[in-house]
Full PDB file with SEQRES, HELIX, SHEET, SSBOND, CRYST1, ORIGX, SCALE, CONECT and MASTER records, all heavy atoms in Angstrom:
SEQRES   1 A   43  VAL ILE MET GLY VAL ARG ASN GLY PRO GLY ASP MET LEU          
SEQRES   2 A   43  LEU PHE VAL ASN THR GLY THR ALA GLY MET ALA VAL PHE          
SEQRES   3 A   43  GLU GLN GLN ALA ASP ALA SER LEU ASP VAL SER THR ASP          
SEQRES   4 A   43  ILE TYR ALA ALA                                              
HELIX    1 AA1 ALA A   32  LEU A   34  5                                   3    
SHEET    1 AA1 3 ILE A   2  MET A   3  0                                        
SHEET    2 AA1 3 LEU A  13  ASN A  17 -1                                        
SHEET    3 AA1 3 PHE A  26  GLN A  29 -1                                        
CRYST1    1.000    1.000    1.000  90.00  90.00  90.00 P 1           1          
ORIGX1      1.000000  0.000000  0.000000        0.00000                         
ORIGX2      0.000000  1.000000  0.000000        0.00000                         
ORIGX3      0.000000  0.000000  1.000000        0.00000                         
SCALE1      1.000000  0.000000  0.000000        0.00000                         
SCALE2      0.000000  1.000000  0.000000        0.00000                         
SCALE3      0.000000  0.000000  1.000000        0.00000                         
ATOM      1  N   VAL A   1      -4.260   3.039   4.159  1.00  0.00           N  
ATOM      2  CA  VAL A   1      -3.944   3.588   2.858  1.00  0.00           C  
ATOM      3  C   VAL A   1      -3.279   2.527   2.028  1.00  0.00           C  
ATOM      4  O   VAL A   1      -2.308   1.841   2.533  1.00  0.00           O  
ATOM      5  CB  VAL A   1      -3.086   4.795   2.895  1.00  0.00           C  
ATOM      6  CG1 VAL A   1      -2.633   5.311   1.544  1.00  0.00           C  
ATOM      7  CG2 VAL A   1      -3.841   6.040   3.573  1.00  0.00           C  
ATOM      8  N   ILE A   2      -3.678   2.293   0.752  1.00  0.00           N  
ATOM      9  CA  ILE A   2      -3.037   1.469  -0.177  1.00  0.00           C  
ATOM     10  C   ILE A   2      -2.462   2.399  -1.409  1.00  0.00           C  
ATOM     11  O   ILE A   2      -3.123   3.213  -1.887  1.00  0.00           O  
ATOM     12  CB  ILE A   2      -4.032   0.358  -0.711  1.00  0.00           C  
ATOM     13  CG1 ILE A   2      -4.472  -0.408   0.316  1.00  0.00           C  
ATOM     14  CG2 ILE A   2      -3.267  -0.383  -1.850  1.00  0.00           C  
ATOM     15  CD1 ILE A   2      -5.560  -1.428  -0.141  1.00  0.00           C  
ATOM     16  N   MET A   3      -1.275   2.167  -1.639  1.00  0.00           N  
ATOM     17  CA  MET A   3      -0.444   2.913  -2.691  1.00  0.00           C  
ATOM     18  C   MET A   3      -0.395   2.085  -3.850  1.00  0.00           C  
ATOM     19  O   MET A   3       0.231   0.880  -3.759  1.00  0.00           O  
ATOM     20  CB  MET A   3       0.832   3.365  -2.227  1.00  0.00           C  
ATOM     21  CG  MET A   3       1.534   4.315  -3.256  1.00  0.00           C  
ATOM     22  SD  MET A   3       3.155   4.757  -2.565  1.00  0.00           S  
ATOM     23  CE  MET A   3       2.617   5.797  -1.127  1.00  0.00           C  
ATOM     24  N   GLY A   4      -0.866   2.428  -4.958  1.00  0.00           N  
ATOM     25  CA  GLY A   4      -0.926   1.628  -6.348  1.00  0.00           C  
ATOM     26  C   GLY A   4       0.540   1.706  -6.935  1.00  0.00           C  
ATOM     27  O   GLY A   4       1.533   2.126  -6.306  1.00  0.00           O  
ATOM     28  N   VAL A   5       0.411   1.407  -8.263  1.00  0.00           N  
ATOM     29  CA  VAL A   5       1.645   1.476  -9.133  1.00  0.00           C  
ATOM     30  C   VAL A   5       1.320   2.543 -10.210  1.00  0.00           C  
ATOM     31  O   VAL A   5       0.300   2.330 -10.936  1.00  0.00           O  
ATOM     32  CB  VAL A   5       1.930   0.168  -9.604  1.00  0.00           C  
ATOM     33  CG1 VAL A   5       3.172   0.214 -10.623  1.00  0.00           C  
ATOM     34  CG2 VAL A   5       2.240  -0.828  -8.498  1.00  0.00           C  
ATOM     35  N   ARG A   6       2.157   3.483 -10.447  1.00  0.00           N  
ATOM     36  CA  ARG A   6       2.075   4.415 -11.564  1.00  0.00           C  
ATOM     37  C   ARG A   6       2.940   4.172 -12.753  1.00  0.00           C  
ATOM     38  O   ARG A   6       2.632   4.346 -13.929  1.00  0.00           O  
ATOM     39  CB  ARG A   6       2.335   5.793 -11.061  1.00  0.00           C  
ATOM     40  CG  ARG A   6       2.357   6.898 -12.090  1.00  0.00           C  
ATOM     41  CD  ARG A   6       0.971   6.932 -12.797  1.00  0.00           C  
ATOM     42  NE  ARG A   6       0.942   7.956 -13.815  1.00  0.00           N  
ATOM     43  CZ  ARG A   6       1.438   7.748 -15.104  1.00  0.00           C  
ATOM     44  NH1 ARG A   6       2.090   6.636 -15.358  1.00  0.00           N  
ATOM     45  NH2 ARG A   6       1.504   8.621 -15.981  1.00  0.00           N  
ATOM     46  N   ASN A   7       4.176   3.590 -12.519  1.00  0.00           N  
ATOM     47  CA  ASN A   7       5.112   3.469 -13.587  1.00  0.00           C  
ATOM     48  C   ASN A   7       5.915   2.177 -13.407  1.00  0.00           C  
ATOM     49  O   ASN A   7       7.045   2.132 -12.973  1.00  0.00           O  
ATOM     50  CB  ASN A   7       6.043   4.617 -13.676  1.00  0.00           C  
ATOM     51  CG  ASN A   7       6.993   4.553 -14.872  1.00  0.00           C  
ATOM     52  OD1 ASN A   7       6.570   4.005 -15.907  1.00  0.00           O  
ATOM     53  ND2 ASN A   7       8.109   5.117 -14.779  1.00  0.00           N  
ATOM     54  N   GLY A   8       5.161   0.971 -13.565  1.00  0.00           N  
ATOM     55  CA  GLY A   8       5.602  -0.317 -13.239  1.00  0.00           C  
ATOM     56  C   GLY A   8       6.694  -0.750 -14.178  1.00  0.00           C  
ATOM     57  O   GLY A   8       7.151   0.001 -15.046  1.00  0.00           O  
ATOM     58  N   PRO A   9       7.215  -2.012 -13.929  1.00  0.00           N  
ATOM     59  CA  PRO A   9       6.591  -2.986 -12.995  1.00  0.00           C  
ATOM     60  C   PRO A   9       6.782  -2.601 -11.491  1.00  0.00           C  
ATOM     61  O   PRO A   9       7.879  -1.986 -11.160  1.00  0.00           O  
ATOM     62  CB  PRO A   9       7.343  -4.273 -13.390  1.00  0.00           C  
ATOM     63  CG  PRO A   9       8.611  -3.842 -13.928  1.00  0.00           C  
ATOM     64  CD  PRO A   9       8.421  -2.525 -14.628  1.00  0.00           C  
ATOM     65  N   GLY A  10       5.895  -3.104 -10.677  1.00  0.00           N  
ATOM     66  CA  GLY A  10       6.047  -2.750  -9.355  1.00  0.00           C  
ATOM     67  C   GLY A  10       4.877  -3.469  -8.546  1.00  0.00           C  
ATOM     68  O   GLY A  10       3.939  -3.972  -9.097  1.00  0.00           O  
ATOM     69  N   ASP A  11       4.899  -3.353  -7.164  1.00  0.00           N  
ATOM     70  CA  ASP A  11       3.939  -3.951  -6.225  1.00  0.00           C  
ATOM     71  C   ASP A  11       3.243  -2.860  -5.524  1.00  0.00           C  
ATOM     72  O   ASP A  11       3.714  -1.749  -5.312  1.00  0.00           O  
ATOM     73  CB  ASP A  11       4.536  -4.783  -5.192  1.00  0.00           C  
ATOM     74  CG  ASP A  11       5.403  -5.970  -5.846  1.00  0.00           C  
ATOM     75  OD1 ASP A  11       4.909  -6.626  -6.866  1.00  0.00           O  
ATOM     76  OD2 ASP A  11       6.522  -6.311  -5.313  1.00  0.00           O  
ATOM     77  N   MET A  12       1.940  -3.095  -5.262  1.00  0.00           N  
ATOM     78  CA  MET A  12       1.209  -2.153  -4.398  1.00  0.00           C  
ATOM     79  C   MET A  12       1.782  -2.178  -2.941  1.00  0.00           C  
ATOM     80  O   MET A  12       2.311  -3.224  -2.498  1.00  0.00           O  
ATOM     81  CB  MET A  12      -0.368  -2.601  -4.333  1.00  0.00           C  
ATOM     82  CG  MET A  12      -0.907  -2.403  -5.757  1.00  0.00           C  
ATOM     83  SD  MET A  12      -2.809  -2.285  -5.511  1.00  0.00           S  
ATOM     84  CE  MET A  12      -3.116  -3.486  -4.461  1.00  0.00           C  
ATOM     85  N   LEU A  13       1.601  -1.024  -2.257  1.00  0.00           N  
ATOM     86  CA  LEU A  13       2.202  -0.889  -0.923  1.00  0.00           C  
ATOM     87  C   LEU A  13       0.980  -0.657   0.038  1.00  0.00           C  
ATOM     88  O   LEU A  13      -0.002   0.093  -0.241  1.00  0.00           O  
ATOM     89  CB  LEU A  13       3.121   0.311  -0.798  1.00  0.00           C  
ATOM     90  CG  LEU A  13       4.445   0.281  -1.761  1.00  0.00           C  
ATOM     91  CD1 LEU A  13       5.196   1.489  -1.414  1.00  0.00           C  
ATOM     92  CD2 LEU A  13       5.116  -0.996  -1.503  1.00  0.00           C  
ATOM     93  N   LEU A  14       1.039  -1.300   1.230  1.00  0.00           N  
ATOM     94  CA  LEU A  14       0.064  -1.132   2.206  1.00  0.00           C  
ATOM     95  C   LEU A  14       0.549  -0.424   3.477  1.00  0.00           C  
ATOM     96  O   LEU A  14       1.615  -0.624   4.021  1.00  0.00           O  
ATOM     97  CB  LEU A  14      -0.350  -2.519   2.708  1.00  0.00           C  
ATOM     98  CG  LEU A  14      -1.358  -2.535   3.978  1.00  0.00           C  
ATOM     99  CD1 LEU A  14      -2.623  -1.861   3.675  1.00  0.00           C  
ATOM    100  CD2 LEU A  14      -1.566  -4.001   4.354  1.00  0.00           C  
ATOM    101  N   PHE A  15      -0.094   0.737   3.891  1.00  0.00           N  
ATOM    102  CA  PHE A  15       0.194   1.490   5.022  1.00  0.00           C  
ATOM    103  C   PHE A  15      -0.973   1.381   6.002  1.00  0.00           C  
ATOM    104  O   PHE A  15      -2.026   1.889   5.733  1.00  0.00           O  
ATOM    105  CB  PHE A  15       0.422   2.949   4.676  1.00  0.00           C  
ATOM    106  CG  PHE A  15       1.610   3.100   3.892  1.00  0.00           C  
ATOM    107  CD1 PHE A  15       1.495   3.030   2.400  1.00  0.00           C  
ATOM    108  CD2 PHE A  15       2.879   3.403   4.338  1.00  0.00           C  
ATOM    109  CE1 PHE A  15       2.646   3.151   1.550  1.00  0.00           C  
ATOM    110  CE2 PHE A  15       4.020   3.609   3.541  1.00  0.00           C  
ATOM    111  CZ  PHE A  15       3.869   3.486   2.133  1.00  0.00           C  
ATOM    112  N   VAL A  16      -0.794   0.696   7.125  1.00  0.00           N  
ATOM    113  CA  VAL A  16      -1.736   0.411   8.136  1.00  0.00           C  
ATOM    114  C   VAL A  16      -1.721   1.595   9.202  1.00  0.00           C  
ATOM    115  O   VAL A  16      -0.681   1.941   9.628  1.00  0.00           O  
ATOM    116  CB  VAL A  16      -1.532  -0.941   8.809  1.00  0.00           C  
ATOM    117  CG1 VAL A  16      -2.529  -1.134  10.081  1.00  0.00           C  
ATOM    118  CG2 VAL A  16      -1.883  -2.064   7.860  1.00  0.00           C  
ATOM    119  N   ASN A  17      -2.992   1.987   9.496  1.00  0.00           N  
ATOM    120  CA  ASN A  17      -3.105   3.090  10.458  1.00  0.00           C  
ATOM    121  C   ASN A  17      -2.962   2.521  11.803  1.00  0.00           C  
ATOM    122  O   ASN A  17      -3.832   1.686  12.388  1.00  0.00           O  
ATOM    123  CB  ASN A  17      -4.457   3.684  10.240  1.00  0.00           C  
ATOM    124  CG  ASN A  17      -4.652   4.910  11.221  1.00  0.00           C  
ATOM    125  OD1 ASN A  17      -3.940   5.204  12.083  1.00  0.00           O  
ATOM    126  ND2 ASN A  17      -5.681   5.729  10.948  1.00  0.00           N  
ATOM    127  N   THR A  18      -1.839   2.884  12.499  1.00  0.00           N  
ATOM    128  CA  THR A  18      -1.520   2.414  13.930  1.00  0.00           C  
ATOM    129  C   THR A  18      -1.750   3.588  14.912  1.00  0.00           C  
ATOM    130  O   THR A  18      -1.349   3.405  16.059  1.00  0.00           O  
ATOM    131  CB  THR A  18      -0.148   1.893  14.026  1.00  0.00           C  
ATOM    132  OG1 THR A  18       0.761   2.831  13.575  1.00  0.00           O  
ATOM    133  CG2 THR A  18       0.064   0.633  13.109  1.00  0.00           C  
ATOM    134  N   GLY A  19      -2.373   4.678  14.473  1.00  0.00           N  
ATOM    135  CA  GLY A  19      -2.468   5.758  15.325  1.00  0.00           C  
ATOM    136  C   GLY A  19      -3.717   5.747  16.195  1.00  0.00           C  
ATOM    137  O   GLY A  19      -4.179   4.646  16.440  1.00  0.00           O  
ATOM    138  N   THR A  20      -4.219   6.894  16.663  1.00  0.00           N  
ATOM    139  CA  THR A  20      -5.333   6.992  17.488  1.00  0.00           C  
ATOM    140  C   THR A  20      -6.558   7.568  16.750  1.00  0.00           C  
ATOM    141  O   THR A  20      -6.482   8.002  15.643  1.00  0.00           O  
ATOM    142  CB  THR A  20      -4.945   8.018  18.610  1.00  0.00           C  
ATOM    143  OG1 THR A  20      -4.886   9.282  18.196  1.00  0.00           O  
ATOM    144  CG2 THR A  20      -3.665   7.421  19.439  1.00  0.00           C  
ATOM    145  N   ALA A  21      -7.669   7.689  17.493  1.00  0.00           N  
ATOM    146  CA  ALA A  21      -8.870   8.244  16.856  1.00  0.00           C  
ATOM    147  C   ALA A  21      -8.639   9.717  16.489  1.00  0.00           C  
ATOM    148  O   ALA A  21      -9.296  10.225  15.563  1.00  0.00           O  
ATOM    149  CB  ALA A  21     -10.047   8.084  17.768  1.00  0.00           C  
ATOM    150  N   GLY A  22      -7.762  10.374  17.224  1.00  0.00           N  
ATOM    151  CA  GLY A  22      -7.476  11.838  16.982  1.00  0.00           C  
ATOM    152  C   GLY A  22      -6.492  12.126  15.905  1.00  0.00           C  
ATOM    153  O   GLY A  22      -6.426  13.276  15.385  1.00  0.00           O  
ATOM    154  N   MET A  23      -5.597  11.171  15.529  1.00  0.00           N  
ATOM    155  CA  MET A  23      -4.586  11.408  14.502  1.00  0.00           C  
ATOM    156  C   MET A  23      -4.085  10.102  13.974  1.00  0.00           C  
ATOM    157  O   MET A  23      -3.620   9.232  14.718  1.00  0.00           O  
ATOM    158  CB  MET A  23      -3.431  12.276  15.038  1.00  0.00           C  
ATOM    159  CG  MET A  23      -2.325  12.556  13.975  1.00  0.00           C  
ATOM    160  SD  MET A  23      -3.017  13.295  12.331  1.00  0.00           S  
ATOM    161  CE  MET A  23      -3.668  14.894  13.081  1.00  0.00           C  
ATOM    162  N   ALA A  24      -4.072   9.883  12.659  1.00  0.00           N  
ATOM    163  CA  ALA A  24      -3.613   8.728  12.029  1.00  0.00           C  
ATOM    164  C   ALA A  24      -2.104   8.696  12.088  1.00  0.00           C  
ATOM    165  O   ALA A  24      -1.410   9.636  12.101  1.00  0.00           O  
ATOM    166  CB  ALA A  24      -4.082   8.642  10.544  1.00  0.00           C  
ATOM    167  N   VAL A  25      -1.589   7.446  12.100  1.00  0.00           N  
ATOM    168  CA  VAL A  25      -0.109   7.152  11.924  1.00  0.00           C  
ATOM    169  C   VAL A  25      -0.037   5.952  10.929  1.00  0.00           C  
ATOM    170  O   VAL A  25      -0.608   4.961  11.201  1.00  0.00           O  
ATOM    171  CB  VAL A  25       0.611   6.715  13.175  1.00  0.00           C  
ATOM    172  CG1 VAL A  25       2.045   6.324  12.800  1.00  0.00           C  
ATOM    173  CG2 VAL A  25       0.577   8.002  14.210  1.00  0.00           C  
ATOM    174  N   PHE A  26       0.538   6.183   9.784  1.00  0.00           N  
ATOM    175  CA  PHE A  26       0.495   5.182   8.750  1.00  0.00           C  
ATOM    176  C   PHE A  26       1.962   4.470   8.640  1.00  0.00           C  
ATOM    177  O   PHE A  26       2.932   5.136   8.435  1.00  0.00           O  
ATOM    178  CB  PHE A  26       0.278   5.797   7.412  1.00  0.00           C  
ATOM    179  CG  PHE A  26      -1.164   6.406   7.226  1.00  0.00           C  
ATOM    180  CD1 PHE A  26      -1.351   7.716   7.161  1.00  0.00           C  
ATOM    181  CD2 PHE A  26      -2.262   5.556   7.395  1.00  0.00           C  
ATOM    182  CE1 PHE A  26      -2.593   8.319   7.073  1.00  0.00           C  
ATOM    183  CE2 PHE A  26      -3.608   6.106   7.262  1.00  0.00           C  
ATOM    184  CZ  PHE A  26      -3.704   7.459   7.174  1.00  0.00           C  
ATOM    185  N   GLU A  27       1.906   3.109   8.914  1.00  0.00           N  
ATOM    186  CA  GLU A  27       3.138   2.396   8.927  1.00  0.00           C  
ATOM    187  C   GLU A  27       3.068   1.370   7.769  1.00  0.00           C  
ATOM    188  O   GLU A  27       2.041   0.639   7.749  1.00  0.00           O  
ATOM    189  CB  GLU A  27       3.419   1.725  10.259  1.00  0.00           C  
ATOM    190  CG  GLU A  27       3.659   2.796  11.403  1.00  0.00           C  
ATOM    191  CD  GLU A  27       4.034   2.123  12.620  1.00  0.00           C  
ATOM    192  OE1 GLU A  27       4.703   1.064  12.599  1.00  0.00           O  
ATOM    193  OE2 GLU A  27       3.762   2.650  13.727  1.00  0.00           O  
ATOM    194  N   GLN A  28       4.070   1.212   6.942  1.00  0.00           N  
ATOM    195  CA  GLN A  28       4.097   0.293   5.916  1.00  0.00           C  
ATOM    196  C   GLN A  28       4.093  -1.110   6.472  1.00  0.00           C  
ATOM    197  O   GLN A  28       4.858  -1.435   7.447  1.00  0.00           O  
ATOM    198  CB  GLN A  28       5.246   0.394   4.967  1.00  0.00           C  
ATOM    199  CG  GLN A  28       5.185  -0.439   3.759  1.00  0.00           C  
ATOM    200  CD  GLN A  28       6.441  -0.270   2.824  1.00  0.00           C  
ATOM    201  OE1 GLN A  28       7.228   0.618   3.021  1.00  0.00           O  
ATOM    202  NE2 GLN A  28       6.526  -1.213   1.966  1.00  0.00           N  
ATOM    203  N   GLN A  29       3.323  -1.963   5.814  1.00  0.00           N  
ATOM    204  CA  GLN A  29       3.203  -3.407   6.316  1.00  0.00           C  
ATOM    205  C   GLN A  29       3.430  -4.364   5.143  1.00  0.00           C  
ATOM    206  O   GLN A  29       2.989  -3.972   3.995  1.00  0.00           O  
ATOM    207  CB  GLN A  29       1.812  -3.689   6.920  1.00  0.00           C  
ATOM    208  CG  GLN A  29       1.447  -2.730   8.062  1.00  0.00           C  
ATOM    209  CD  GLN A  29       2.224  -3.105   9.333  1.00  0.00           C  
ATOM    210  OE1 GLN A  29       2.667  -4.261   9.522  1.00  0.00           O  
ATOM    211  NE2 GLN A  29       2.388  -2.029  10.130  1.00  0.00           N  
ATOM    212  N   ALA A  30       3.949  -5.520   5.372  1.00  0.00           N  
ATOM    213  CA  ALA A  30       4.019  -6.609   4.345  1.00  0.00           C  
ATOM    214  C   ALA A  30       2.693  -7.389   4.478  1.00  0.00           C  
ATOM    215  O   ALA A  30       2.322  -7.744   5.520  1.00  0.00           O  
ATOM    216  CB  ALA A  30       5.133  -7.515   4.496  1.00  0.00           C  
ATOM    217  N   ASP A  31       2.007  -7.607   3.396  1.00  0.00           N  
ATOM    218  CA  ASP A  31       0.736  -8.424   3.510  1.00  0.00           C  
ATOM    219  C   ASP A  31       0.682  -9.234   2.275  1.00  0.00           C  
ATOM    220  O   ASP A  31       0.476  -8.802   1.074  1.00  0.00           O  
ATOM    221  CB  ASP A  31      -0.380  -7.329   3.579  1.00  0.00           C  
ATOM    222  CG  ASP A  31      -1.728  -8.063   3.665  1.00  0.00           C  
ATOM    223  OD1 ASP A  31      -1.780  -9.435   3.694  1.00  0.00           O  
ATOM    224  OD2 ASP A  31      -2.755  -7.434   3.883  1.00  0.00           O  
ATOM    225  N   ALA A  32       0.609 -10.640   2.431  1.00  0.00           N  
ATOM    226  CA  ALA A  32       0.521 -11.528   1.384  1.00  0.00           C  
ATOM    227  C   ALA A  32      -0.771 -11.450   0.688  1.00  0.00           C  
ATOM    228  O   ALA A  32      -0.822 -11.647  -0.540  1.00  0.00           O  
ATOM    229  CB  ALA A  32       0.720 -12.961   1.804  1.00  0.00           C  
ATOM    230  N   SER A  33      -1.830 -11.058   1.307  1.00  0.00           N  
ATOM    231  CA  SER A  33      -3.082 -10.951   0.639  1.00  0.00           C  
ATOM    232  C   SER A  33      -3.297  -9.721  -0.299  1.00  0.00           C  
ATOM    233  O   SER A  33      -4.216  -9.611  -0.938  1.00  0.00           O  
ATOM    234  CB  SER A  33      -4.272 -11.140   1.633  1.00  0.00           C  
ATOM    235  OG  SER A  33      -4.343  -9.851   2.362  1.00  0.00           O  
ATOM    236  N   LEU A  34      -2.312  -8.759  -0.078  1.00  0.00           N  
ATOM    237  CA  LEU A  34      -2.318  -7.662  -0.995  1.00  0.00           C  
ATOM    238  C   LEU A  34      -1.194  -7.674  -1.877  1.00  0.00           C  
ATOM    239  O   LEU A  34      -0.681  -6.725  -2.464  1.00  0.00           O  
ATOM    240  CB  LEU A  34      -2.318  -6.371  -0.153  1.00  0.00           C  
ATOM    241  CG  LEU A  34      -3.555  -6.027   0.662  1.00  0.00           C  
ATOM    242  CD1 LEU A  34      -3.322  -4.797   1.466  1.00  0.00           C  
ATOM    243  CD2 LEU A  34      -4.770  -5.858  -0.239  1.00  0.00           C  
ATOM    244  N   ASP A  35      -0.742  -8.898  -2.284  1.00  0.00           N  
ATOM    245  CA  ASP A  35       0.477  -9.029  -3.092  1.00  0.00           C  
ATOM    246  C   ASP A  35       0.091  -8.957  -4.560  1.00  0.00           C  
ATOM    247  O   ASP A  35      -0.026  -9.881  -5.359  1.00  0.00           O  
ATOM    248  CB  ASP A  35       1.072 -10.403  -2.816  1.00  0.00           C  
ATOM    249  CG  ASP A  35       2.443 -10.589  -3.629  1.00  0.00           C  
ATOM    250  OD1 ASP A  35       2.910  -9.577  -4.061  1.00  0.00           O  
ATOM    251  OD2 ASP A  35       2.841 -11.782  -3.702  1.00  0.00           O  
ATOM    252  N   VAL A  36      -0.228  -7.641  -4.925  1.00  0.00           N  
ATOM    253  CA  VAL A  36      -0.686  -7.427  -6.414  1.00  0.00           C  
ATOM    254  C   VAL A  36       0.463  -6.842  -7.131  1.00  0.00           C  
ATOM    255  O   VAL A  36       0.918  -5.633  -6.750  1.00  0.00           O  
ATOM    256  CB  VAL A  36      -1.877  -6.580  -6.368  1.00  0.00           C  
ATOM    257  CG1 VAL A  36      -2.240  -6.207  -7.821  1.00  0.00           C  
ATOM    258  CG2 VAL A  36      -3.105  -7.116  -5.698  1.00  0.00           C  
ATOM    259  N   SER A  37       0.918  -7.345  -8.223  1.00  0.00           N  
ATOM    260  CA  SER A  37       2.015  -6.889  -8.992  1.00  0.00           C  
ATOM    261  C   SER A  37       1.541  -6.518 -10.353  1.00  0.00           C  
ATOM    262  O   SER A  37       0.505  -7.214 -10.800  1.00  0.00           O  
ATOM    263  CB  SER A  37       3.273  -7.903  -9.083  1.00  0.00           C  
ATOM    264  OG  SER A  37       3.733  -8.114  -7.778  1.00  0.00           O  
ATOM    265  N   THR A  38       2.040  -5.515 -11.050  1.00  0.00           N  
ATOM    266  CA  THR A  38       1.575  -5.097 -12.274  1.00  0.00           C  
ATOM    267  C   THR A  38       2.747  -4.726 -13.179  1.00  0.00           C  
ATOM    268  O   THR A  38       3.785  -4.240 -12.687  1.00  0.00           O  
ATOM    269  CB  THR A  38       0.554  -3.978 -12.133  1.00  0.00           C  
ATOM    270  OG1 THR A  38      -0.056  -3.801 -13.488  1.00  0.00           O  
ATOM    271  CG2 THR A  38       1.230  -2.750 -11.640  1.00  0.00           C  
ATOM    272  N   ASP A  39       2.426  -4.823 -14.431  1.00  0.00           N  
ATOM    273  CA  ASP A  39       3.539  -4.459 -15.446  1.00  0.00           C  
ATOM    274  C   ASP A  39       3.686  -2.954 -15.518  1.00  0.00           C  
ATOM    275  O   ASP A  39       4.667  -2.380 -15.579  1.00  0.00           O  
ATOM    276  CB  ASP A  39       3.294  -5.006 -16.755  1.00  0.00           C  
ATOM    277  CG  ASP A  39       3.327  -6.520 -16.813  1.00  0.00           C  
ATOM    278  OD1 ASP A  39       4.036  -7.061 -16.045  1.00  0.00           O  
ATOM    279  OD2 ASP A  39       2.715  -7.144 -17.662  1.00  0.00           O  
ATOM    280  N   ILE A  40       2.501  -2.269 -15.552  1.00  0.00           N  
ATOM    281  CA  ILE A  40       2.508  -0.815 -15.833  1.00  0.00           C  
ATOM    282  C   ILE A  40       1.909  -0.006 -14.794  1.00  0.00           C  
ATOM    283  O   ILE A  40       2.447   0.886 -14.197  1.00  0.00           O  
ATOM    284  CB  ILE A  40       1.789  -0.542 -17.214  1.00  0.00           C  
ATOM    285  CG1 ILE A  40       2.553  -1.286 -18.424  1.00  0.00           C  
ATOM    286  CG2 ILE A  40       1.736   0.983 -17.539  1.00  0.00           C  
ATOM    287  CD1 ILE A  40       3.839  -0.771 -18.690  1.00  0.00           C  
ATOM    288  N   TYR A  41       0.618  -0.304 -14.440  1.00  0.00           N  
ATOM    289  CA  TYR A  41      -0.247   0.610 -13.744  1.00  0.00           C  
ATOM    290  C   TYR A  41      -1.276  -0.217 -13.003  1.00  0.00           C  
ATOM    291  O   TYR A  41      -1.839  -1.157 -13.405  1.00  0.00           O  
ATOM    292  CB  TYR A  41      -0.941   1.578 -14.725  1.00  0.00           C  
ATOM    293  CG  TYR A  41      -1.913   2.523 -14.097  1.00  0.00           C  
ATOM    294  CD1 TYR A  41      -1.353   3.699 -13.766  1.00  0.00           C  
ATOM    295  CD2 TYR A  41      -3.289   2.252 -14.103  1.00  0.00           C  
ATOM    296  CE1 TYR A  41      -2.455   4.841 -13.290  1.00  0.00           C  
ATOM    297  CE2 TYR A  41      -4.179   3.204 -13.554  1.00  0.00           C  
ATOM    298  CZ  TYR A  41      -3.690   4.416 -13.173  1.00  0.00           C  
ATOM    299  OH  TYR A  41      -4.651   5.369 -12.733  1.00  0.00           O  
ATOM    300  N   ALA A  42      -1.331   0.190 -11.693  1.00  0.00           N  
ATOM    301  CA  ALA A  42      -2.362  -0.415 -10.807  1.00  0.00           C  
ATOM    302  C   ALA A  42      -3.044   0.730  -9.933  1.00  0.00           C  
ATOM    303  O   ALA A  42      -2.485   1.382  -9.152  1.00  0.00           O  
ATOM    304  CB  ALA A  42      -1.849  -1.413  -9.919  1.00  0.00           C  
ATOM    305  N   ALA A  43      -4.469   0.849 -10.059  1.00  0.00           N  
ATOM    306  CA  ALA A  43      -5.141   1.927  -9.270  1.00  0.00           C  
ATOM    307  C   ALA A  43      -6.166   1.160  -8.503  1.00  0.00           C  
ATOM    308  O   ALA A  43      -7.150   0.751  -8.904  1.00  0.00           O  
ATOM    309  CB  ALA A  43      -5.850   2.878 -10.336  1.00  0.00           C  
TER     310      ALA A  43                                                      
MASTER        0    0    0    1    3    0    0    6  309    1    0    4          
END                                                                             
């Protein structure tokens, strides 16, 4: 899951699924390649 920005400025957030096939577990990760910042809004 990637979380965008609704009321910036702000950065997008990355939540990587570290769970199993039967149930997801989303843990926030730092990722330079998803380093998208925006003034107002990012979808």
